[in-house]
Amino acid sequence: MKLNQELVTTLKSQKEIRCFNYDREKIKTATLAAPIWLHFGAGNIFRGFIATLQNQLLEDGKSDKGIIVVETYDTEIIDLTYKPYDDLNVSVTLKRDGSVNKEIIGSVIESVKSDKEGWQRLIHFFEEDSLQMVTFTITEKGYSVSSYETDFEREPEASESLMGRLTYLCYCRYKKGGKPIALLSLDNCSQNGKKLQEAVCKFAEEWIKRGKMDEAFKTYLQDSKKVSFPWSMIDKITPQPNKKVQEMLINTGFEEMPIIKTNKNTWVAPFVNAEEIQYLVIEDKFPNGRPCLEDADVVFTTREEVERTEKMKVCTCLNPLHTALAIFGCLLDYKTIDEAVSNPLLLKLIEKIGYEEGLPVVTNPVIINPYHFIKEVIEIRLPNPFILDSPWRIIADTSLKMPIRFGETLKAYKSKGDNTIGQLTYIPLVIAGWCRYLMGINDTGKTYEVGPDPRGAILQKALEGLYLGKNENISLKLAPILSDESLFGVNLYEVGLGTKIEHYFAELMSGKDVIQKVLNKYLMQ
């Protein structure tokens, strides 16, 4: 059985996999006649989370429109996992208790590539008065302007960057009558709506300056009743396709469930495997209306609450715990995060970081309880053996993550002015562990390649001359790193933590097979 519209009809009588009951052809006709939702970024987070939300509304009869998805970076995704399967996909939810939910998602009505024909199609959609929102999961790098400044000299319709082309599409909508629209980033990055707004407005400003666009277009973009850029906080783990899930689906009866690596190194399949926990919090600012996604458990609130929720997650309740597990997971040679968290010492470490050192200064949103969020992360999400997330994936770009994942907490303690920051133990231990990780040698003495990081080579160079079992010059070597406020948000010596971290680092560097002994010393006291 190949995944297609015909198969859906066949599978509706089976209980093992859930199939939608709405008339997809009717939905397709209505969507293409008057589209309401266009999405850029056809990857796993879209298919395994966002598309499932609209699928639920269609199932419940609360919408009669689907989503049109666009891929501009890795267009092979469309050729390999959308077109051959009638734009359907199988969403597989992996629960910690071992149970699995399988569901065919039919909410994607059309998939578009960023070729010449595709861009003409997008102009048509953007000019439709009915279009309510355009959403994005393109990663934080997708909002870059600096890498594409040569686009400013091109004609807007010939832009090579996504942000440039998006600006041109908005210009087409403006010229067609200027109907309102919401441009909504759903990427997992801080102040995502601001990043999107700044990119679009920068392109518009440069092209207006060069006489390539009308001056009034700037007014259109700056009028929130015409164009809005809502902020959002999204949280769901959707790792690369899992071979065990592939085998499970084949045993269910699917003929074709290939896992393929594209030429741009994206792992794709006709299915998406993901965790059961998910959050999506969005600033409720949609000048042309929006789908009733609150009926699919999306939370709509103010920008302030979105920002507080994002800070809670990124600075305290999830991302710091992830990074701590990644650092010591790599040093102890764990292949997956669930293996790392099964180590009682690493479990205790993230409990201490979250509950004891994070919660006292957490940014507390009204809509989510931080304590419950951490408890869910530690007890349900991170130990899930089916997710198979890797410490080596999470460790990438840690120098960019440190200022947010730990620096904001350190700054919060510093602002209290009561010297409690000097009493911290576990966050400093993680920072020492990161410096130990940068040595490129694990606890058994085996070397490894340090993960990609824009400052990795510089940091490793600073640590040259240090060796396991030899603790000379540790202070001299670490001082430039630990005093760098751009890395940690504070000068760690000025707040009373620098010398403590040097001491922890010396213990972690004292020889082979010492890391668990050091963790035990500080966690079990």
Protein backbone atom coordinates (compact mmCIF):
# COMPACT_ATOMS: atom_id res chain seq x y z
CA MET A 1 0.00 0.00 0.00
CA LYS A 2 1.44 3.36 -1.01
CA LEU A 3 0.45 6.45 0.95
CA ASN A 4 -2.02 8.33 -1.25
CA GLN A 5 -5.61 9.52 -1.29
CA GLU A 6 -6.86 6.10 -2.41
CA LEU A 7 -5.15 4.41 0.55
CA VAL A 8 -6.91 6.74 2.99
CA THR A 9 -10.24 5.33 1.91
CA THR A 10 -8.94 1.78 2.38
CA LEU A 11 -7.52 2.41 5.84
CA LYS A 12 -10.60 4.09 7.29
CA SER A 13 -11.93 0.71 8.38
CA GLN A 14 -8.76 -0.07 10.37
CA LYS A 15 -8.23 0.92 13.99
CA GLU A 16 -4.43 0.79 13.95
CA ILE A 17 -4.04 4.05 12.08
CA ARG A 18 -6.30 7.08 12.24
CA CYS A 19 -7.51 8.55 8.96
CA PHE A 20 -9.28 11.86 8.45
CA ASN A 21 -12.99 11.80 7.63
CA TYR A 22 -13.39 15.11 5.82
CA ASP A 23 -13.84 15.40 2.06
CA ARG A 24 -10.33 16.41 1.05
CA GLU A 25 -11.26 17.20 -2.55
CA LYS A 26 -13.93 19.60 -1.33
CA ILE A 27 -11.40 21.17 1.05
CA LYS A 28 -8.89 21.51 -1.78
CA THR A 29 -11.39 23.25 -4.05
CA ALA A 30 -12.37 25.72 -1.33
CA THR A 31 -8.72 26.38 -0.37
CA LEU A 32 -7.47 27.11 -3.86
CA ALA A 33 -10.49 29.31 -4.61
CA ALA A 34 -9.88 31.46 -1.52
CA PRO A 35 -6.67 30.52 0.37
CA ILE A 36 -6.29 31.61 4.00
CA TRP A 37 -2.98 30.06 5.12
CA LEU A 38 0.40 29.87 3.39
CA HIS A 39 3.41 28.31 5.12
CA PHE A 40 7.14 28.56 4.31
CA GLY A 41 9.28 25.62 5.46
CA ALA A 42 8.16 22.09 4.60
CA GLY A 43 10.23 20.26 7.18
CA ASN A 44 9.38 18.02 10.12
CA ILE A 45 8.23 20.65 12.61
CA PHE A 46 5.64 21.81 10.09
CA ARG A 47 4.42 18.33 9.16
CA GLY A 48 4.61 16.89 12.67
CA PHE A 49 3.04 19.82 14.52
CA ILE A 50 1.63 22.75 12.58
CA ALA A 51 -0.12 20.78 9.84
CA THR A 52 -1.69 18.54 12.49
CA LEU A 53 -3.36 21.56 14.12
CA GLN A 54 -5.29 22.47 10.98
CA ASN A 55 -5.99 18.79 10.37
CA GLN A 56 -7.77 18.73 13.75
CA LEU A 57 -9.88 21.77 12.84
CA LEU A 58 -10.86 20.13 9.56
CA GLU A 59 -11.75 16.91 11.38
CA ASP A 60 -13.89 18.82 13.87
CA GLY A 61 -15.66 20.80 11.13
CA LYS A 62 -14.23 24.08 12.43
CA SER A 63 -12.57 24.99 9.16
CA ASP A 64 -13.10 24.26 5.49
CA LYS A 65 -9.63 25.34 4.30
CA GLY A 66 -6.26 23.63 4.27
CA ILE A 67 -2.67 24.90 4.12
CA ILE A 68 -0.47 25.63 1.10
CA VAL A 69 3.16 24.85 1.94
CA VAL A 70 6.27 26.27 0.27
CA GLU A 71 9.87 25.07 0.40
CA THR A 72 12.60 27.51 -0.66
CA TYR A 73 15.79 26.03 0.81
CA ASP A 74 15.74 22.26 0.20
CA THR A 75 13.22 21.74 -2.58
CA GLU A 76 13.99 18.03 -2.77
CA ILE A 77 11.71 17.70 0.25
CA ILE A 78 8.77 18.48 -2.00
CA ASP A 79 9.89 16.03 -4.69
CA LEU A 80 10.62 13.22 -2.26
CA THR A 81 8.01 13.46 0.51
CA TYR A 82 5.10 15.54 -0.78
CA LYS A 83 4.36 15.06 -4.48
CA PRO A 84 4.71 11.24 -4.56
CA TYR A 85 2.21 10.93 -1.69
CA ASP A 86 -0.52 13.40 -2.71
CA ASP A 87 0.85 15.87 -0.10
CA LEU A 88 -0.19 13.47 2.68
CA ASN A 89 2.06 12.35 5.53
CA VAL A 90 1.86 9.96 8.45
CA SER A 91 2.25 11.63 11.85
CA VAL A 92 3.64 9.18 14.42
CA THR A 93 3.47 10.25 18.06
CA LEU A 94 5.91 8.40 20.30
CA LYS A 95 4.93 8.24 23.96
CA ARG A 96 7.21 7.45 26.86
CA ASP A 97 5.03 4.52 27.95
CA GLY A 98 5.75 2.80 24.64
CA SER A 99 2.40 3.45 23.01
CA VAL A 100 2.28 4.95 19.54
CA ASN A 101 -0.39 6.98 17.76
CA LYS A 102 -0.37 6.90 13.97
CA GLU A 103 -2.43 9.39 11.97
CA ILE A 104 -2.60 10.36 8.31
CA ILE A 105 -2.54 14.15 7.93
CA GLY A 106 -4.41 15.62 4.97
CA SER A 107 -4.45 19.33 5.75
CA VAL A 108 -1.74 20.21 3.23
CA ILE A 109 -3.59 20.95 0.02
CA GLU A 110 -0.74 21.99 -2.25
CA SER A 111 3.07 21.96 -2.02
CA VAL A 112 5.09 24.54 -3.92
CA LYS A 113 8.78 24.73 -4.81
CA SER A 114 10.66 28.00 -5.22
CA ASP A 115 11.23 27.61 -8.95
CA LYS A 116 9.96 30.04 -11.59
CA GLU A 117 6.55 28.40 -11.79
CA GLY A 118 6.32 28.22 -8.00
CA TRP A 119 7.00 31.93 -7.50
CA GLN A 120 4.30 32.85 -10.01
CA ARG A 121 1.96 30.62 -8.02
CA LEU A 122 2.95 32.42 -4.81
CA ILE A 123 2.30 35.85 -6.32
CA HIS A 124 -1.21 34.63 -7.16
CA PHE A 125 -1.80 33.47 -3.58
CA PHE A 126 -0.43 36.68 -2.05
CA GLU A 127 -2.73 38.78 -4.21
CA GLU A 128 -5.82 36.96 -2.94
CA ASP A 129 -7.87 39.08 -0.51
CA SER A 130 -8.77 35.94 1.47
CA LEU A 131 -5.19 35.22 2.59
CA GLN A 132 -5.11 35.71 6.36
CA MET A 133 -1.65 34.62 7.43
CA VAL A 134 1.72 33.45 6.21
CA THR A 135 3.71 31.34 8.68
CA PHE A 136 7.36 30.34 8.76
CA THR A 137 9.57 27.52 10.06
CA ILE A 138 12.78 28.38 8.23
CA THR A 139 15.25 28.38 11.20
CA GLU A 140 16.77 31.53 12.66
CA LYS A 141 19.29 31.76 9.82
CA GLY A 142 16.42 32.17 7.36
CA TYR A 143 15.79 35.73 8.59
CA SER A 144 19.31 36.87 7.79
CA VAL A 145 19.68 40.06 5.78
CA SER A 146 23.43 40.64 6.00
CA SER A 147 24.22 37.57 3.91
CA TYR A 148 22.10 38.86 1.03
CA GLU A 149 22.84 42.58 0.83
CA THR A 150 23.69 42.17 -2.86
CA ASP A 151 19.95 41.66 -3.31
CA PHE A 152 19.46 45.37 -2.66
CA GLU A 153 20.98 46.09 -6.07
CA ARG A 154 18.79 43.55 -7.87
CA GLU A 155 15.27 44.07 -9.06
CA PRO A 156 12.96 42.87 -6.24
CA GLU A 157 11.43 40.12 -8.35
CA ALA A 158 14.95 38.75 -9.00
CA SER A 159 15.91 38.54 -5.32
CA GLU A 160 17.83 35.43 -4.32
CA SER A 161 17.04 35.50 -0.58
CA LEU A 162 13.82 34.33 1.01
CA MET A 163 13.39 37.58 2.95
CA GLY A 164 13.86 39.56 -0.25
CA ARG A 165 11.35 37.46 -2.13
CA LEU A 166 8.91 37.64 0.76
CA THR A 167 9.17 41.44 0.70
CA TYR A 168 8.43 41.40 -3.02
CA LEU A 169 5.39 39.16 -2.46
CA CYS A 170 4.12 41.61 0.15
CA TYR A 171 4.68 44.38 -2.36
CA CYS A 172 2.55 42.50 -4.87
CA ARG A 173 -0.22 42.31 -2.26
CA TYR A 174 0.14 46.04 -1.54
CA LYS A 175 -0.10 46.91 -5.25
CA LYS A 176 -3.17 44.69 -5.63
CA GLY A 177 -5.15 46.69 -3.08
CA GLY A 178 -3.24 46.40 0.17
CA LYS A 179 -5.47 43.94 2.00
CA PRO A 180 -4.32 43.12 5.57
CA ILE A 181 -2.15 40.11 6.39
CA ALA A 182 -0.26 38.57 9.32
CA LEU A 183 3.32 37.34 8.86
CA LEU A 184 3.94 34.88 11.69
CA SER A 185 7.28 33.30 12.53
CA LEU A 186 6.93 29.91 14.24
CA ASP A 187 10.66 29.38 14.56
CA ASN A 188 12.25 28.47 17.87
CA CYS A 189 14.17 31.68 18.41
CA SER A 190 13.86 34.67 20.71
CA GLN A 191 11.63 37.54 19.53
CA ASN A 192 11.01 35.75 16.24
CA GLY A 193 8.36 38.21 15.09
CA LYS A 194 10.78 41.10 15.54
CA LYS A 195 13.44 39.31 13.48
CA LEU A 196 10.96 38.75 10.65
CA GLN A 197 9.69 42.33 10.76
CA GLU A 198 13.18 43.83 10.73
CA ALA A 199 14.19 41.70 7.73
CA VAL A 200 11.16 42.61 5.61
CA CYS A 201 11.33 46.29 6.52
CA LYS A 202 15.07 46.42 5.74
CA PHE A 203 14.55 45.06 2.24
CA ALA A 204 11.64 47.43 1.66
CA GLU A 205 13.67 50.41 2.91
CA GLU A 206 16.63 49.61 0.64
CA TRP A 207 14.48 49.09 -2.44
CA ILE A 208 12.46 52.25 -1.77
CA LYS A 209 15.72 54.17 -1.38
CA ARG A 210 16.78 52.92 -4.82
CA GLY A 211 13.45 53.80 -6.42
CA LYS A 212 12.44 50.16 -6.95
CA MET A 213 9.30 50.33 -4.76
CA ASP A 214 6.72 52.97 -3.84
CA GLU A 215 7.37 55.10 -0.76
CA ALA A 216 3.83 54.30 0.46
CA PHE A 217 4.76 50.61 0.71
CA LYS A 218 6.74 51.47 3.86
CA THR A 219 3.60 52.98 5.40
CA TYR A 220 1.68 49.80 4.55
CA LEU A 221 4.27 47.61 6.30
CA GLN A 222 4.39 49.85 9.37
CA ASP A 223 0.62 49.91 9.85
CA SER A 224 -0.19 47.02 12.23
CA LYS A 225 -3.79 47.13 11.07
CA LYS A 226 -2.49 46.22 7.61
CA VAL A 227 0.57 44.05 8.25
CA SER A 228 1.28 42.40 11.61
CA PHE A 229 4.28 40.40 12.76
CA PRO A 230 3.04 38.41 15.78
CA TRP A 231 5.57 36.83 18.15
CA SER A 232 5.32 33.18 19.11
CA MET A 233 6.81 30.47 21.31
CA ILE A 234 6.88 26.96 19.87
CA ASP A 235 8.05 23.79 21.60
CA LYS A 236 8.01 20.25 20.24
CA ILE A 237 10.78 17.78 19.48
CA THR A 238 10.57 16.40 15.92
CA PRO A 239 13.85 14.53 15.29
CA GLN A 240 14.91 12.96 12.01
CA PRO A 241 12.97 9.91 10.76
CA ASN A 242 13.45 6.85 12.94
CA LYS A 243 14.18 3.45 11.37
CA LYS A 244 12.13 1.71 14.06
CA VAL A 245 9.13 3.82 13.10
CA GLN A 246 9.77 3.02 9.46
CA GLU A 247 9.70 -0.72 10.25
CA MET A 248 6.54 -0.29 12.30
CA LEU A 249 4.75 1.41 9.40
CA ILE A 250 5.93 -1.21 6.91
CA ASN A 251 4.61 -3.92 9.23
CA THR A 252 1.30 -2.04 9.28
CA GLY A 253 1.12 -2.52 5.52
CA PHE A 254 2.71 0.50 3.86
CA GLU A 255 4.76 -0.43 0.83
CA GLU A 256 6.87 2.70 0.58
CA MET A 257 8.26 4.45 3.65
CA PRO A 258 11.79 5.34 2.49
CA ILE A 259 14.14 7.39 4.67
CA ILE A 260 16.23 9.55 2.33
CA LYS A 261 19.06 12.03 2.78
CA THR A 262 18.76 14.98 0.39
CA ASN A 263 21.69 16.64 -1.34
CA LYS A 264 21.48 19.37 1.31
CA ASN A 265 21.78 16.77 4.10
CA THR A 266 18.15 16.83 5.21
CA TRP A 267 16.75 13.49 6.36
CA VAL A 268 13.22 13.07 5.03
CA ALA A 269 10.50 10.41 4.84
CA PRO A 270 6.76 10.19 4.11
CA PHE A 271 6.28 10.12 7.89
CA VAL A 272 7.24 12.27 10.86
CA ASN A 273 7.98 10.89 14.32
CA ALA A 274 7.64 13.27 17.25
CA GLU A 275 7.09 13.49 20.98
CA GLU A 276 3.61 13.80 22.47
CA ILE A 277 4.17 17.08 24.34
CA GLN A 278 3.76 20.30 22.39
CA TYR A 279 3.25 23.99 23.06
CA LEU A 280 2.41 26.89 20.77
CA VAL A 281 1.80 30.35 22.21
CA ILE A 282 1.05 33.19 19.78
CA GLU A 283 0.51 36.93 20.05
CA ASP A 284 -3.10 37.48 18.97
CA LYS A 285 -2.61 40.08 16.26
CA PHE A 286 -4.23 39.10 12.95
CA PRO A 287 -5.67 42.04 10.99
CA ASN A 288 -7.36 39.84 8.35
CA GLY A 289 -8.66 37.15 10.72
CA ARG A 290 -7.22 33.69 11.40
CA PRO A 291 -8.21 30.03 11.84
CA CYS A 292 -9.65 29.19 15.27
CA LEU A 293 -6.48 27.38 16.34
CA GLU A 294 -7.34 27.88 20.00
CA ASP A 295 -9.69 24.93 19.42
CA ALA A 296 -6.56 22.88 18.68
CA ASP A 297 -4.97 23.94 22.01
CA VAL A 298 -2.93 26.84 20.64
CA VAL A 299 -2.72 29.65 23.20
CA PHE A 300 -3.36 33.20 21.95
CA THR A 301 -2.26 36.01 24.24
CA THR A 302 -0.34 39.29 24.40
CA ARG A 303 3.19 39.90 23.12
CA GLU A 304 4.36 40.33 26.70
CA GLU A 305 3.06 36.91 27.71
CA VAL A 306 4.61 35.28 24.62
CA GLU A 307 7.97 36.77 25.54
CA ARG A 308 7.67 35.69 29.17
CA THR A 309 6.75 32.15 28.12
CA GLU A 310 9.67 32.00 25.71
CA LYS A 311 12.09 33.23 28.39
CA MET A 312 10.73 30.69 30.85
CA LYS A 313 11.41 27.85 28.44
CA VAL A 314 14.71 28.97 26.93
CA CYS A 315 16.35 30.45 30.02
CA THR A 316 15.15 28.11 32.76
CA CYS A 317 12.81 25.21 32.19
CA LEU A 318 14.02 23.33 29.09
CA ASN A 319 16.98 24.61 27.10
CA PRO A 320 19.50 24.85 30.00
CA LEU A 321 18.66 21.28 31.00
CA HIS A 322 19.12 20.15 27.40
CA THR A 323 22.51 21.84 27.18
CA ALA A 324 23.69 20.38 30.50
CA LEU A 325 22.77 16.88 29.31
CA ALA A 326 24.45 17.50 25.96
CA ILE A 327 27.74 18.63 27.52
CA PHE A 328 28.09 15.75 29.97
CA GLY A 329 26.41 13.35 27.55
CA CYS A 330 29.21 13.97 25.03
CA LEU A 331 31.92 13.66 27.70
CA LEU A 332 30.44 10.37 28.92
CA ASP A 333 29.86 9.16 25.34
CA TYR A 334 26.08 8.77 25.44
CA LYS A 335 24.44 8.42 22.04
CA THR A 336 20.99 9.69 22.98
CA ILE A 337 19.49 12.13 25.47
CA ASP A 338 17.29 9.47 27.09
CA GLU A 339 20.44 7.42 27.78
CA ALA A 340 22.08 10.46 29.36
CA VAL A 341 19.12 11.26 31.59
CA SER A 342 18.98 7.62 32.73
CA ASN A 343 22.28 8.27 34.50
CA PRO A 344 21.20 9.14 38.11
CA LEU A 345 23.92 11.78 38.39
CA LEU A 346 22.89 13.61 35.23
CA LEU A 347 19.25 13.35 36.24
CA LYS A 348 20.13 14.90 39.60
CA LEU A 349 22.16 17.61 37.86
CA ILE A 350 19.26 18.85 35.71
CA GLU A 351 16.91 18.66 38.69
CA LYS A 352 19.28 20.88 40.67
CA ILE A 353 19.70 23.33 37.77
CA GLY A 354 15.97 23.54 37.15
CA TYR A 355 14.33 23.40 40.54
CA GLU A 356 17.02 24.83 42.84
CA GLU A 357 18.92 27.37 40.74
CA GLY A 358 16.51 28.21 37.93
CA LEU A 359 13.08 28.54 39.52
CA PRO A 360 14.03 31.19 42.14
CA VAL A 361 14.65 33.71 39.33
CA VAL A 362 12.43 32.29 36.56
CA THR A 363 10.40 34.60 34.34
CA ASN A 364 6.95 33.44 35.37
CA PRO A 365 4.21 33.66 32.72
CA VAL A 366 0.59 33.57 33.75
CA ILE A 367 -0.44 30.96 31.21
CA ILE A 368 2.06 28.16 32.07
CA ASN A 369 3.28 27.05 35.49
CA PRO A 370 7.12 26.88 35.38
CA TYR A 371 7.35 24.15 38.04
CA HIS A 372 4.93 21.91 36.15
CA PHE A 373 6.75 22.64 32.89
CA ILE A 374 10.11 21.52 34.35
CA LYS A 375 8.52 18.45 35.91
CA GLU A 376 7.05 17.46 32.55
CA VAL A 377 10.44 18.00 30.84
CA ILE A 378 12.36 15.92 33.37
CA GLU A 379 9.86 13.13 33.93
CA ILE A 380 8.21 12.73 30.52
CA ARG A 381 10.03 14.46 27.68
CA LEU A 382 13.75 13.94 28.19
CA PRO A 383 13.49 10.24 29.26
CA ASN A 384 11.38 9.32 26.20
CA PRO A 385 13.37 6.44 24.61
CA PHE A 386 11.57 6.76 21.28
CA ILE A 387 12.73 10.29 20.46
CA LEU A 388 16.40 9.32 20.04
CA ASP A 389 17.62 12.92 20.21
CA SER A 390 21.40 13.19 20.38
CA PRO A 391 23.73 15.16 22.69
CA TRP A 392 25.89 15.75 19.62
CA ARG A 393 23.01 17.56 17.87
CA ILE A 394 22.23 19.74 20.87
CA ILE A 395 25.87 20.65 21.58
CA ALA A 396 26.17 22.53 18.26
CA ASP A 397 26.63 26.32 18.54
CA THR A 398 26.80 26.25 22.35
CA SER A 399 28.75 29.54 22.45
CA LEU A 400 25.66 31.21 20.97
CA LYS A 401 23.36 29.47 23.46
CA MET A 402 25.27 30.13 26.70
CA PRO A 403 24.27 33.83 27.02
CA ILE A 404 20.58 32.89 26.85
CA ARG A 405 20.43 29.45 28.46
CA PHE A 406 22.56 30.37 31.47
CA GLY A 407 23.53 34.03 31.13
CA GLU A 408 20.02 35.35 31.72
CA THR A 409 19.78 33.39 34.98
CA LEU A 410 23.17 34.68 36.10
CA LYS A 411 22.15 38.26 35.31
CA ALA A 412 18.93 37.78 37.27
CA TYR A 413 20.89 36.65 40.32
CA LYS A 414 23.35 39.52 39.91
CA SER A 415 20.50 42.05 39.81
CA LYS A 416 19.26 40.81 43.19
CA GLY A 417 22.38 42.31 44.75
CA ASP A 418 22.42 39.92 47.71
CA ASN A 419 25.45 37.85 46.65
CA THR A 420 23.37 34.68 46.19
CA ILE A 421 24.95 34.34 42.75
CA GLY A 422 28.23 33.39 44.43
CA GLN A 423 26.50 30.48 46.13
CA LEU A 424 25.48 28.80 42.86
CA THR A 425 26.99 25.36 42.31
CA TYR A 426 25.35 23.54 39.41
CA ILE A 427 25.30 26.16 36.66
CA PRO A 428 29.02 26.86 37.32
CA LEU A 429 29.62 23.10 37.16
CA VAL A 430 28.00 22.99 33.72
CA ILE A 431 30.14 25.91 32.53
CA ALA A 432 33.23 24.06 33.75
CA GLY A 433 31.94 20.96 31.97
CA TRP A 434 31.58 22.92 28.73
CA CYS A 435 35.19 24.11 28.96
CA ARG A 436 36.18 20.48 29.58
CA TYR A 437 34.13 19.43 26.52
CA LEU A 438 36.04 21.96 24.39
CA MET A 439 39.22 19.94 25.05
CA GLY A 440 37.93 17.37 22.54
CA ILE A 441 38.65 14.33 24.71
CA ASN A 442 36.05 12.31 26.58
CA ASP A 443 36.15 10.85 30.07
CA THR A 444 37.93 7.68 28.93
CA GLY A 445 40.64 9.65 27.12
CA LYS A 446 39.24 9.10 23.63
CA THR A 447 39.39 12.09 21.29
CA TYR A 448 36.35 13.39 19.39
CA GLU A 449 35.60 16.21 16.99
CA VAL A 450 34.12 19.20 18.79
CA GLY A 451 30.73 20.06 17.31
CA PRO A 452 30.15 23.01 14.97
CA ASP A 453 30.30 26.36 16.74
CA PRO A 454 31.14 29.83 15.34
CA ARG A 455 33.55 30.48 18.24
CA GLY A 456 34.70 26.89 18.69
CA ALA A 457 38.12 27.24 17.07
CA ILE A 458 38.93 30.41 19.04
CA LEU A 459 37.89 28.85 22.34
CA GLN A 460 39.84 25.66 21.68
CA LYS A 461 42.90 27.74 20.77
CA ALA A 462 42.64 29.52 24.13
CA LEU A 463 42.79 26.16 25.93
CA GLU A 464 45.83 24.85 24.06
CA GLY A 465 48.57 23.57 26.38
CA LEU A 466 46.17 22.01 28.89
CA TYR A 467 46.16 18.21 29.22
CA LEU A 468 44.41 15.60 31.32
CA GLY A 469 46.24 15.15 34.59
CA LYS A 470 48.21 18.41 34.25
CA ASN A 471 46.65 21.42 35.94
CA GLU A 472 49.31 24.09 35.36
CA ASN A 473 48.15 27.42 33.92
CA ILE A 474 44.43 26.65 34.24
CA SER A 475 43.66 30.11 35.61
CA LEU A 476 45.71 31.78 32.87
CA LYS A 477 43.96 29.78 30.15
CA LEU A 478 40.41 30.08 31.47
CA ALA A 479 40.49 33.76 32.43
CA PRO A 480 39.83 35.18 28.91
CA ILE A 481 36.87 32.80 28.52
CA LEU A 482 35.26 33.17 31.94
CA SER A 483 35.59 36.96 31.94
CA ASP A 484 33.87 37.29 28.55
CA GLU A 485 30.44 38.87 29.14
CA SER A 486 29.39 38.09 25.55
CA LEU A 487 29.60 34.38 26.44
CA PHE A 488 27.89 34.34 29.83
CA GLY A 489 26.07 37.66 30.19
CA VAL A 490 28.36 38.59 33.11
CA ASN A 491 32.05 38.58 33.94
CA LEU A 492 32.14 35.39 35.99
CA TYR A 493 35.05 36.62 38.14
CA GLU A 494 33.28 39.85 39.04
CA VAL A 495 30.25 37.94 40.36
CA GLY A 496 32.33 35.51 42.39
CA LEU A 497 32.09 32.42 40.17
CA GLY A 498 35.27 32.49 38.09
CA THR A 499 37.61 30.92 40.64
CA LYS A 500 34.96 28.32 41.55
CA ILE A 501 34.65 27.28 37.89
CA GLU A 502 38.44 27.06 37.60
CA HIS A 503 38.40 24.66 40.56
CA TYR A 504 35.65 22.51 39.05
CA PHE A 505 37.49 22.46 35.71
CA ALA A 506 40.72 21.34 37.40
CA GLU A 507 38.86 18.45 39.01
CA LEU A 508 37.25 17.46 35.69
CA MET A 509 40.71 17.58 34.07
CA SER A 510 42.51 15.62 36.78
CA GLY A 511 42.63 12.41 34.74
CA LYS A 512 40.60 9.73 33.00
CA ASP A 513 37.34 8.36 34.39
CA VAL A 514 36.86 11.22 36.87
CA ILE A 515 33.77 13.02 35.61
CA GLN A 516 31.21 10.90 37.41
CA LYS A 517 33.29 11.10 40.59
CA VAL A 518 33.26 14.89 40.39
CA LEU A 519 29.50 14.97 39.71
CA ASN A 520 28.92 12.62 42.63
CA LYS A 521 30.99 14.85 44.92
CA TYR A 522 28.82 17.92 44.31
CA LEU A 523 25.44 16.36 43.61
CA MET A 524 25.26 13.85 46.44
CA GLN A 525 26.61 16.01 49.23
